[in-house]
Amino acid sequence: MPSQKSLQPATRWTVGRAAREFRMAVPTLQRRLGDMGQEAGADGCFSSYQLRLAFQGDVTAARLAKSSAETKLIEAKLGVIERTYLKRGALTIALANSYNHMRRIIDRSGIPAEMRETLLIELGASPDALLSSLPNDGGEIVKGRGPKPRRKQHANGTHTGSVI
């Protein structure tokens, strides 16, 4: 007949004994047990399971938090790649408002008309010029296609600093 092993009672740990065995400061172990909501039994001791929870923490919650953060990061990266991260309608309105605001500032400034015209040409003929300056496949910004400013030329062939 095979011999049956007698069941030994489960090991119970005092905070001091567990801290020495696992080389941890007593206050740290007490804090971790408290954080995990573990209370000592009637004998003033903790089970091995309770200590494991204190050492490892709530692994499931940590894994879920990490997984959630990774999911949000992947969604943001995909949004940038697919160019859906910013709503195109809102971006179009913002660019048009910016263009109109800059144009009003230039028009109301006291600079000469020739310089004002040059600034407006450099800015672009319309908000469409700004909207056509979206990133290309290489991720670089493509400048809007506007006419280049012409410089005034003297009869002798030299240029002045002012622009037509």
N, C-alpha and C. Protein backbone atom coordinates (compact mmCIF):
# COMPACT_ATOMS: atom_id res chain seq x y z
N MET A 1 0.83 -1.17 0.00
CA MET A 1 0.00 0.00 0.00
C MET A 1 0.87 1.24 0.00
N PRO A 2 0.56 2.19 -0.92
CA PRO A 2 1.36 3.40 -0.94
C PRO A 2 1.11 4.23 0.30
N SER A 3 2.16 4.83 0.77
CA SER A 3 2.02 5.66 1.98
C SER A 3 1.46 7.02 1.60
N GLN A 4 0.60 7.49 2.40
CA GLN A 4 0.03 8.81 2.17
C GLN A 4 0.85 9.84 2.93
N LYS A 5 1.15 10.93 2.23
CA LYS A 5 1.86 12.02 2.90
C LYS A 5 0.88 12.76 3.79
N SER A 6 1.34 13.05 4.94
CA SER A 6 0.47 13.84 5.80
C SER A 6 0.56 15.30 5.37
N LEU A 7 -0.57 15.95 5.30
CA LEU A 7 -0.61 17.36 4.92
C LEU A 7 -0.05 18.21 6.03
N GLN A 8 0.88 19.04 5.65
CA GLN A 8 1.46 19.96 6.63
C GLN A 8 0.68 21.26 6.58
N PRO A 9 0.55 21.90 7.69
CA PRO A 9 -0.17 23.17 7.67
C PRO A 9 0.59 24.19 6.82
N ALA A 10 -0.16 25.07 6.18
CA ALA A 10 0.44 26.09 5.32
C ALA A 10 1.33 27.00 6.15
N THR A 11 2.38 27.46 5.53
CA THR A 11 3.31 28.35 6.21
C THR A 11 2.66 29.70 6.42
N ARG A 12 2.77 30.18 7.62
CA ARG A 12 2.26 31.52 7.95
C ARG A 12 3.46 32.39 8.26
N TRP A 13 3.37 33.64 7.88
CA TRP A 13 4.50 34.55 7.98
C TRP A 13 4.15 35.76 8.83
N THR A 14 5.03 36.10 9.73
CA THR A 14 4.93 37.40 10.39
C THR A 14 5.60 38.40 9.46
N VAL A 15 5.31 39.67 9.64
CA VAL A 15 5.91 40.70 8.78
C VAL A 15 7.42 40.70 8.94
N GLY A 16 7.90 40.60 10.15
CA GLY A 16 9.34 40.62 10.39
C GLY A 16 10.05 39.43 9.75
N ARG A 17 9.47 38.22 9.93
CA ARG A 17 10.08 37.02 9.35
C ARG A 17 10.08 37.08 7.82
N ALA A 18 8.96 37.53 7.22
CA ALA A 18 8.87 37.64 5.76
C ALA A 18 9.85 38.69 5.23
N ALA A 19 9.98 39.80 5.93
CA ALA A 19 10.89 40.86 5.49
C ALA A 19 12.34 40.36 5.52
N ARG A 20 12.70 39.61 6.56
CA ARG A 20 14.06 39.05 6.62
C ARG A 20 14.27 38.00 5.51
N GLU A 21 13.30 37.12 5.34
CA GLU A 21 13.43 36.03 4.36
C GLU A 21 13.57 36.57 2.94
N PHE A 22 12.80 37.60 2.61
CA PHE A 22 12.80 38.13 1.25
C PHE A 22 13.60 39.42 1.11
N ARG A 23 14.38 39.72 2.14
CA ARG A 23 15.30 40.87 2.13
C ARG A 23 14.60 42.17 1.72
N MET A 24 13.62 42.50 2.49
CA MET A 24 12.84 43.70 2.23
C MET A 24 12.67 44.43 3.57
N ALA A 25 12.64 45.74 3.52
CA ALA A 25 12.44 46.51 4.75
C ALA A 25 11.03 46.28 5.27
N VAL A 26 10.92 46.21 6.57
CA VAL A 26 9.62 45.95 7.21
C VAL A 26 8.59 47.01 6.82
N PRO A 27 8.93 48.33 6.89
CA PRO A 27 7.92 49.34 6.49
C PRO A 27 7.47 49.19 5.04
N THR A 28 8.40 48.80 4.15
CA THR A 28 8.04 48.62 2.74
C THR A 28 7.05 47.48 2.58
N LEU A 29 7.33 46.36 3.25
CA LEU A 29 6.42 45.21 3.18
C LEU A 29 5.06 45.55 3.77
N GLN A 30 5.06 46.27 4.90
CA GLN A 30 3.78 46.67 5.51
C GLN A 30 2.99 47.57 4.57
N ARG A 31 3.67 48.51 3.91
CA ARG A 31 2.99 49.42 2.97
C ARG A 31 2.41 48.64 1.80
N ARG A 32 3.19 47.71 1.25
CA ARG A 32 2.70 46.93 0.10
C ARG A 32 1.53 46.04 0.48
N LEU A 33 1.60 45.44 1.66
CA LEU A 33 0.46 44.63 2.12
C LEU A 33 -0.78 45.51 2.28
N GLY A 34 -0.61 46.70 2.82
CA GLY A 34 -1.73 47.63 2.99
C GLY A 34 -2.28 48.09 1.64
N ASP A 35 -1.37 48.38 0.69
CA ASP A 35 -1.80 48.83 -0.64
C ASP A 35 -2.64 47.77 -1.33
N MET A 36 -2.32 46.51 -1.09
CA MET A 36 -3.06 45.42 -1.73
C MET A 36 -4.27 44.98 -0.91
N GLY A 37 -4.51 45.66 0.22
CA GLY A 37 -5.68 45.37 1.04
C GLY A 37 -5.57 44.06 1.82
N GLN A 38 -4.35 43.64 2.09
CA GLN A 38 -4.14 42.37 2.81
C GLN A 38 -4.01 42.66 4.31
N GLU A 39 -4.77 41.92 5.08
CA GLU A 39 -4.74 42.08 6.54
C GLU A 39 -4.28 40.77 7.16
N ALA A 40 -3.59 40.89 8.26
CA ALA A 40 -3.10 39.70 8.97
C ALA A 40 -4.27 38.91 9.52
N GLY A 41 -4.07 37.59 9.62
CA GLY A 41 -5.10 36.73 10.19
C GLY A 41 -5.20 36.92 11.69
N ALA A 42 -6.03 36.08 12.31
CA ALA A 42 -6.24 36.16 13.77
C ALA A 42 -4.94 35.90 14.51
N ASP A 43 -4.04 35.13 13.88
CA ASP A 43 -2.77 34.82 14.53
C ASP A 43 -1.72 35.91 14.31
N GLY A 44 -2.06 36.96 13.59
CA GLY A 44 -1.11 38.05 13.34
C GLY A 44 -0.15 37.75 12.20
N CYS A 45 -0.42 36.70 11.43
CA CYS A 45 0.47 36.30 10.34
C CYS A 45 -0.24 36.41 8.99
N PHE A 46 0.57 36.34 7.95
CA PHE A 46 0.07 36.41 6.58
C PHE A 46 0.35 35.09 5.88
N SER A 47 -0.49 34.76 4.91
CA SER A 47 -0.26 33.54 4.12
C SER A 47 0.75 33.83 3.02
N SER A 48 1.27 32.77 2.42
CA SER A 48 2.22 32.93 1.31
C SER A 48 1.55 33.65 0.14
N TYR A 49 0.26 33.38 -0.09
CA TYR A 49 -0.49 34.03 -1.16
C TYR A 49 -0.56 35.54 -0.93
N GLN A 50 -0.83 35.94 0.30
CA GLN A 50 -0.89 37.36 0.61
C GLN A 50 0.46 38.04 0.39
N LEU A 51 1.53 37.36 0.75
CA LEU A 51 2.86 37.92 0.51
C LEU A 51 3.17 38.03 -0.98
N ARG A 52 2.76 37.02 -1.74
CA ARG A 52 2.98 37.07 -3.19
C ARG A 52 2.28 38.28 -3.80
N LEU A 53 1.06 38.54 -3.37
CA LEU A 53 0.35 39.72 -3.86
C LEU A 53 1.10 41.00 -3.51
N ALA A 54 1.65 41.05 -2.31
CA ALA A 54 2.39 42.24 -1.88
C ALA A 54 3.66 42.42 -2.69
N PHE A 55 4.34 41.32 -3.01
CA PHE A 55 5.59 41.40 -3.77
C PHE A 55 5.35 41.75 -5.23
N GLN A 56 4.36 41.13 -5.82
CA GLN A 56 4.13 41.31 -7.26
C GLN A 56 3.17 42.45 -7.56
N GLY A 57 2.40 42.85 -6.61
CA GLY A 57 1.42 43.90 -6.86
C GLY A 57 0.28 43.34 -7.68
N ASP A 58 -0.56 44.20 -8.14
CA ASP A 58 -1.69 43.76 -8.96
C ASP A 58 -1.23 43.68 -10.41
N VAL A 59 -0.69 42.54 -10.76
CA VAL A 59 -0.11 42.34 -12.09
C VAL A 59 -1.16 42.50 -13.18
N THR A 60 -2.36 42.02 -12.93
CA THR A 60 -3.41 42.11 -13.94
C THR A 60 -3.75 43.57 -14.25
N ALA A 61 -3.89 44.40 -13.23
CA ALA A 61 -4.20 45.82 -13.45
C ALA A 61 -3.06 46.51 -14.19
N ALA A 62 -1.82 46.17 -13.83
CA ALA A 62 -0.68 46.78 -14.51
C ALA A 62 -0.64 46.37 -15.98
N ARG A 63 -0.92 45.10 -16.26
CA ARG A 63 -0.94 44.64 -17.66
C ARG A 63 -2.04 45.32 -18.45
N LEU A 64 -3.21 45.49 -17.84
CA LEU A 64 -4.31 46.17 -18.54
C LEU A 64 -3.97 47.62 -18.80
N ALA A 65 -3.35 48.30 -17.85
CA ALA A 65 -2.97 49.70 -18.05
C ALA A 65 -1.94 49.82 -19.16
N LYS A 66 -0.96 48.91 -19.18
CA LYS A 66 0.06 48.94 -20.22
C LYS A 66 -0.57 48.66 -21.59
N SER A 67 -1.45 47.69 -21.65
CA SER A 67 -2.12 47.35 -22.90
C SER A 67 -2.96 48.52 -23.41
N SER A 68 -3.65 49.19 -22.51
CA SER A 68 -4.46 50.35 -22.89
C SER A 68 -3.60 51.48 -23.43
N ALA A 69 -2.47 51.74 -22.77
CA ALA A 69 -1.56 52.80 -23.23
C ALA A 69 -0.98 52.46 -24.60
N GLU A 70 -0.60 51.20 -24.80
CA GLU A 70 -0.07 50.79 -26.10
C GLU A 70 -1.11 50.92 -27.20
N THR A 71 -2.36 50.59 -26.89
CA THR A 71 -3.44 50.72 -27.87
C THR A 71 -3.64 52.17 -28.27
N LYS A 72 -3.63 53.09 -27.29
CA LYS A 72 -3.80 54.51 -27.60
C LYS A 72 -2.64 55.03 -28.45
N LEU A 73 -1.43 54.59 -28.16
CA LEU A 73 -0.26 55.01 -28.94
C LEU A 73 -0.36 54.51 -30.37
N ILE A 74 -0.76 53.26 -30.55
CA ILE A 74 -0.89 52.70 -31.90
C ILE A 74 -1.97 53.43 -32.67
N GLU A 75 -3.10 53.74 -32.03
CA GLU A 75 -4.17 54.49 -32.70
C GLU A 75 -3.69 55.86 -33.14
N ALA A 76 -2.92 56.54 -32.29
CA ALA A 76 -2.40 57.86 -32.65
C ALA A 76 -1.43 57.76 -33.82
N LYS A 77 -0.55 56.76 -33.81
CA LYS A 77 0.40 56.59 -34.91
C LYS A 77 -0.33 56.29 -36.21
N LEU A 78 -1.33 55.43 -36.16
CA LEU A 78 -2.11 55.12 -37.36
C LEU A 78 -2.85 56.36 -37.87
N GLY A 79 -3.37 57.16 -36.95
CA GLY A 79 -4.05 58.39 -37.35
C GLY A 79 -3.13 59.33 -38.08
N VAL A 80 -1.88 59.42 -37.64
CA VAL A 80 -0.91 60.29 -38.32
C VAL A 80 -0.57 59.71 -39.68
N ILE A 81 -0.34 58.40 -39.74
CA ILE A 81 0.01 57.75 -41.01
C ILE A 81 -1.12 57.89 -42.02
N GLU A 82 -2.35 57.66 -41.57
CA GLU A 82 -3.50 57.72 -42.48
C GLU A 82 -4.04 59.13 -42.67
N ARG A 83 -3.38 60.08 -42.03
CA ARG A 83 -3.77 61.50 -42.12
C ARG A 83 -5.20 61.74 -41.66
N THR A 84 -5.63 61.00 -40.64
CA THR A 84 -6.95 61.20 -40.07
C THR A 84 -6.85 61.72 -38.64
N TYR A 85 -5.64 61.97 -38.19
CA TYR A 85 -5.44 62.40 -36.81
C TYR A 85 -6.07 63.77 -36.59
N LEU A 86 -5.91 64.66 -37.55
CA LEU A 86 -6.57 65.97 -37.49
C LEU A 86 -7.74 65.95 -38.45
N LYS A 87 -8.84 66.47 -38.00
CA LYS A 87 -10.03 66.53 -38.85
C LYS A 87 -9.79 67.52 -39.98
N ARG A 88 -9.91 67.07 -41.21
CA ARG A 88 -9.62 67.92 -42.36
C ARG A 88 -10.50 69.16 -42.40
N GLY A 89 -11.77 69.03 -42.05
CA GLY A 89 -12.67 70.18 -42.07
C GLY A 89 -12.22 71.26 -41.09
N ALA A 90 -11.87 70.83 -39.89
CA ALA A 90 -11.41 71.79 -38.88
C ALA A 90 -10.09 72.42 -39.28
N LEU A 91 -9.21 71.63 -39.88
CA LEU A 91 -7.92 72.14 -40.33
C LEU A 91 -8.11 73.16 -41.46
N THR A 92 -9.02 72.88 -42.38
CA THR A 92 -9.30 73.80 -43.49
C THR A 92 -9.80 75.13 -42.96
N ILE A 93 -10.72 75.09 -42.02
CA ILE A 93 -11.26 76.33 -41.44
C ILE A 93 -10.16 77.10 -40.72
N ALA A 94 -9.33 76.38 -39.95
CA ALA A 94 -8.25 77.05 -39.21
C ALA A 94 -7.26 77.71 -40.16
N LEU A 95 -6.89 77.03 -41.24
CA LEU A 95 -5.95 77.61 -42.20
C LEU A 95 -6.56 78.82 -42.90
N ALA A 96 -7.83 78.72 -43.28
CA ALA A 96 -8.49 79.85 -43.94
C ALA A 96 -8.58 81.05 -43.01
N ASN A 97 -8.91 80.82 -41.74
CA ASN A 97 -8.98 81.91 -40.77
C ASN A 97 -7.60 82.54 -40.56
N SER A 98 -6.57 81.71 -40.49
CA SER A 98 -5.21 82.24 -40.33
C SER A 98 -4.82 83.09 -41.52
N TYR A 99 -5.11 82.61 -42.72
CA TYR A 99 -4.80 83.35 -43.94
C TYR A 99 -5.51 84.70 -43.93
N ASN A 100 -6.81 84.68 -43.64
CA ASN A 100 -7.58 85.93 -43.64
C ASN A 100 -7.07 86.90 -42.57
N HIS A 101 -6.69 86.40 -41.42
CA HIS A 101 -6.17 87.25 -40.36
C HIS A 101 -4.84 87.90 -40.79
N MET A 102 -3.95 87.11 -41.36
CA MET A 102 -2.66 87.65 -41.82
C MET A 102 -2.88 88.67 -42.93
N ARG A 103 -3.81 88.39 -43.80
CA ARG A 103 -4.09 89.32 -44.91
C ARG A 103 -4.61 90.66 -44.38
N ARG A 104 -5.51 90.60 -43.37
CA ARG A 104 -6.02 91.85 -42.78
C ARG A 104 -4.90 92.64 -42.12
N ILE A 105 -4.00 91.95 -41.42
CA ILE A 105 -2.88 92.64 -40.78
C ILE A 105 -2.00 93.31 -41.82
N ILE A 106 -1.71 92.61 -42.91
CA ILE A 106 -0.87 93.17 -43.98
C ILE A 106 -1.57 94.35 -44.63
N ASP A 107 -2.89 94.21 -44.91
CA ASP A 107 -3.63 95.30 -45.56
C ASP A 107 -3.71 96.55 -44.68
N ARG A 108 -3.80 96.38 -43.37
CA ARG A 108 -3.94 97.52 -42.46
C ARG A 108 -2.60 98.12 -42.05
N SER A 109 -1.52 97.46 -42.40
CA SER A 109 -0.21 97.97 -41.99
C SER A 109 0.13 99.22 -42.80
N GLY A 110 1.08 99.96 -42.33
CA GLY A 110 1.47 101.20 -43.00
C GLY A 110 2.58 100.99 -44.02
N ILE A 111 2.83 99.78 -44.42
CA ILE A 111 3.91 99.54 -45.38
C ILE A 111 3.46 99.94 -46.77
N PRO A 112 4.42 100.29 -47.66
CA PRO A 112 4.06 100.70 -49.02
C PRO A 112 3.30 99.60 -49.76
N ALA A 113 2.49 100.03 -50.72
CA ALA A 113 1.63 99.11 -51.46
C ALA A 113 2.44 98.03 -52.18
N GLU A 114 3.61 98.40 -52.70
CA GLU A 114 4.42 97.42 -53.43
C GLU A 114 4.88 96.29 -52.50
N MET A 115 5.31 96.66 -51.30
CA MET A 115 5.77 95.65 -50.34
C MET A 115 4.58 94.81 -49.86
N ARG A 116 3.44 95.48 -49.68
CA ARG A 116 2.24 94.77 -49.26
C ARG A 116 1.86 93.72 -50.30
N GLU A 117 1.92 94.13 -51.58
CA GLU A 117 1.60 93.19 -52.66
C GLU A 117 2.57 92.02 -52.67
N THR A 118 3.84 92.28 -52.45
CA THR A 118 4.84 91.22 -52.41
C THR A 118 4.57 90.25 -51.27
N LEU A 119 4.23 90.78 -50.11
CA LEU A 119 3.91 89.92 -48.97
C LEU A 119 2.72 89.03 -49.28
N LEU A 120 1.70 89.60 -49.90
CA LEU A 120 0.52 88.81 -50.22
C LEU A 120 0.85 87.74 -51.27
N ILE A 121 1.73 88.05 -52.21
CA ILE A 121 2.14 87.06 -53.20
C ILE A 121 2.92 85.93 -52.52
N GLU A 122 3.81 86.30 -51.59
CA GLU A 122 4.58 85.29 -50.86
C GLU A 122 3.67 84.43 -49.99
N LEU A 123 2.67 85.07 -49.43
CA LEU A 123 1.74 84.34 -48.59
C LEU A 123 0.92 83.35 -49.41
N GLY A 124 0.62 83.71 -50.62
CA GLY A 124 -0.18 82.85 -51.49
C GLY A 124 -1.36 83.64 -51.99
N ALA A 125 -1.87 83.24 -53.13
CA ALA A 125 -2.96 83.98 -53.75
C ALA A 125 -4.25 83.83 -52.97
N SER A 126 -4.45 82.72 -52.27
CA SER A 126 -5.70 82.47 -51.56
C SER A 126 -5.46 81.38 -50.52
N PRO A 127 -6.45 81.11 -49.70
CA PRO A 127 -6.32 80.00 -48.76
C PRO A 127 -6.06 78.67 -49.47
N ASP A 128 -6.49 78.56 -50.74
CA ASP A 128 -6.22 77.33 -51.49
C ASP A 128 -4.73 77.08 -51.62
N ALA A 129 -3.96 78.16 -51.74
CA ALA A 129 -2.50 78.00 -51.83
C ALA A 129 -1.96 77.40 -50.54
N LEU A 130 -2.53 77.80 -49.41
CA LEU A 130 -2.10 77.21 -48.14
C LEU A 130 -2.52 75.75 -48.04
N LEU A 131 -3.73 75.46 -48.49
CA LEU A 131 -4.23 74.09 -48.39
C LEU A 131 -3.51 73.15 -49.34
N SER A 132 -2.98 73.68 -50.45
CA SER A 132 -2.24 72.82 -51.36
C SER A 132 -0.84 72.54 -50.85
N SER A 133 -0.46 73.16 -49.75
CA SER A 133 0.87 72.95 -49.18
C SER A 133 0.84 71.86 -48.11
N LEU A 134 0.12 70.78 -48.39
CA LEU A 134 0.05 69.68 -47.44
C LEU A 134 1.28 68.80 -47.59
N PRO A 135 1.61 68.00 -46.57
CA PRO A 135 2.79 67.14 -46.67
C PRO A 135 2.67 66.17 -47.83
N ASN A 136 3.80 65.95 -48.52
CA ASN A 136 3.82 64.95 -49.57
C ASN A 136 4.15 63.61 -48.95
N ASP A 137 4.34 62.59 -49.76
CA ASP A 137 4.59 61.25 -49.22
C ASP A 137 5.85 61.18 -48.39
N GLY A 138 6.83 62.03 -48.64
CA GLY A 138 8.08 62.01 -47.89
C GLY A 138 7.98 62.71 -46.56
N GLY A 139 6.81 63.27 -46.23
CA GLY A 139 6.62 63.93 -44.95
C GLY A 139 7.13 65.37 -44.95
N GLU A 140 7.55 65.89 -46.09
CA GLU A 140 8.05 67.25 -46.16
C GLU A 140 6.92 68.17 -46.59
N ILE A 141 7.01 69.41 -46.21
CA ILE A 141 6.01 70.39 -46.61
C ILE A 141 6.37 70.91 -47.99
N VAL A 142 5.40 70.89 -48.90
CA VAL A 142 5.60 71.40 -50.25
C VAL A 142 5.11 72.82 -50.27
N LYS A 143 5.94 73.74 -50.70
CA LYS A 143 5.56 75.15 -50.73
C LYS A 143 4.47 75.37 -51.77
N GLY A 144 3.60 76.34 -51.49
CA GLY A 144 2.57 76.71 -52.45
C GLY A 144 3.20 77.32 -53.69
N ARG A 145 2.55 77.17 -54.80
CA ARG A 145 3.07 77.67 -56.07
C ARG A 145 2.51 79.07 -56.32
N GLY A 146 3.27 80.06 -56.01
CA GLY A 146 2.86 81.43 -56.26
C GLY A 146 3.86 82.10 -57.17
N PRO A 147 3.47 83.19 -57.85
CA PRO A 147 4.43 83.86 -58.73
C PRO A 147 5.56 84.47 -57.93
N LYS A 148 6.75 84.43 -58.48
CA LYS A 148 7.91 85.02 -57.81
C LYS A 148 7.85 86.53 -57.96
N PRO A 149 8.22 87.25 -56.93
CA PRO A 149 8.20 88.72 -57.04
C PRO A 149 9.28 89.20 -58.01
N ARG A 150 8.95 90.26 -58.74
CA ARG A 150 9.91 90.84 -59.68
C ARG A 150 10.53 92.07 -59.06
N ARG A 151 11.81 92.25 -59.27
CA ARG A 151 12.50 93.42 -58.74
C ARG A 151 12.50 94.54 -59.79
N LYS A 152 12.46 95.78 -59.31
CA LYS A 152 12.54 96.92 -60.23
C LYS A 152 13.94 96.96 -60.83
N GLN A 153 13.99 97.26 -62.10
CA GLN A 153 15.29 97.31 -62.78
C GLN A 153 15.49 98.72 -63.34
N HIS A 154 16.69 99.27 -63.07
CA HIS A 154 17.04 100.58 -63.60
C HIS A 154 17.41 100.46 -65.07
N ALA A 155 17.48 101.60 -65.71
CA ALA A 155 17.84 101.63 -67.13
C ALA A 155 19.23 101.02 -67.36
N ASN A 156 20.14 101.15 -66.37
CA ASN A 156 21.49 100.62 -66.55
C ASN A 156 21.59 99.12 -66.24
N GLY A 157 20.46 98.47 -65.88
CA GLY A 157 20.45 97.03 -65.66
C GLY A 157 20.58 96.62 -64.20
N THR A 158 20.79 97.56 -63.30
CA THR A 158 20.91 97.18 -61.89
C THR A 158 19.54 97.10 -61.25
N HIS A 159 19.48 96.36 -60.13
CA HIS A 159 18.20 96.18 -59.41
C HIS A 159 18.20 97.02 -58.15
N THR A 160 17.03 97.50 -57.79
CA THR A 160 16.88 98.17 -56.51
C THR A 160 16.41 97.15 -55.48
N GLY A 161 16.37 97.55 -54.25
CA GLY A 161 15.93 96.64 -53.20
C GLY A 161 14.43 96.46 -53.17
N SER A 162 13.67 97.34 -53.83
CA SER A 162 12.21 97.23 -53.76
C SER A 162 11.71 96.24 -54.79
N VAL A 163 10.57 95.72 -54.50
CA VAL A 163 9.96 94.68 -55.33
C VAL A 163 8.69 95.23 -55.95
N ILE A 164 8.43 94.85 -57.16
CA ILE A 164 7.20 95.30 -57.85
C ILE A 164 6.00 94.55 -57.29
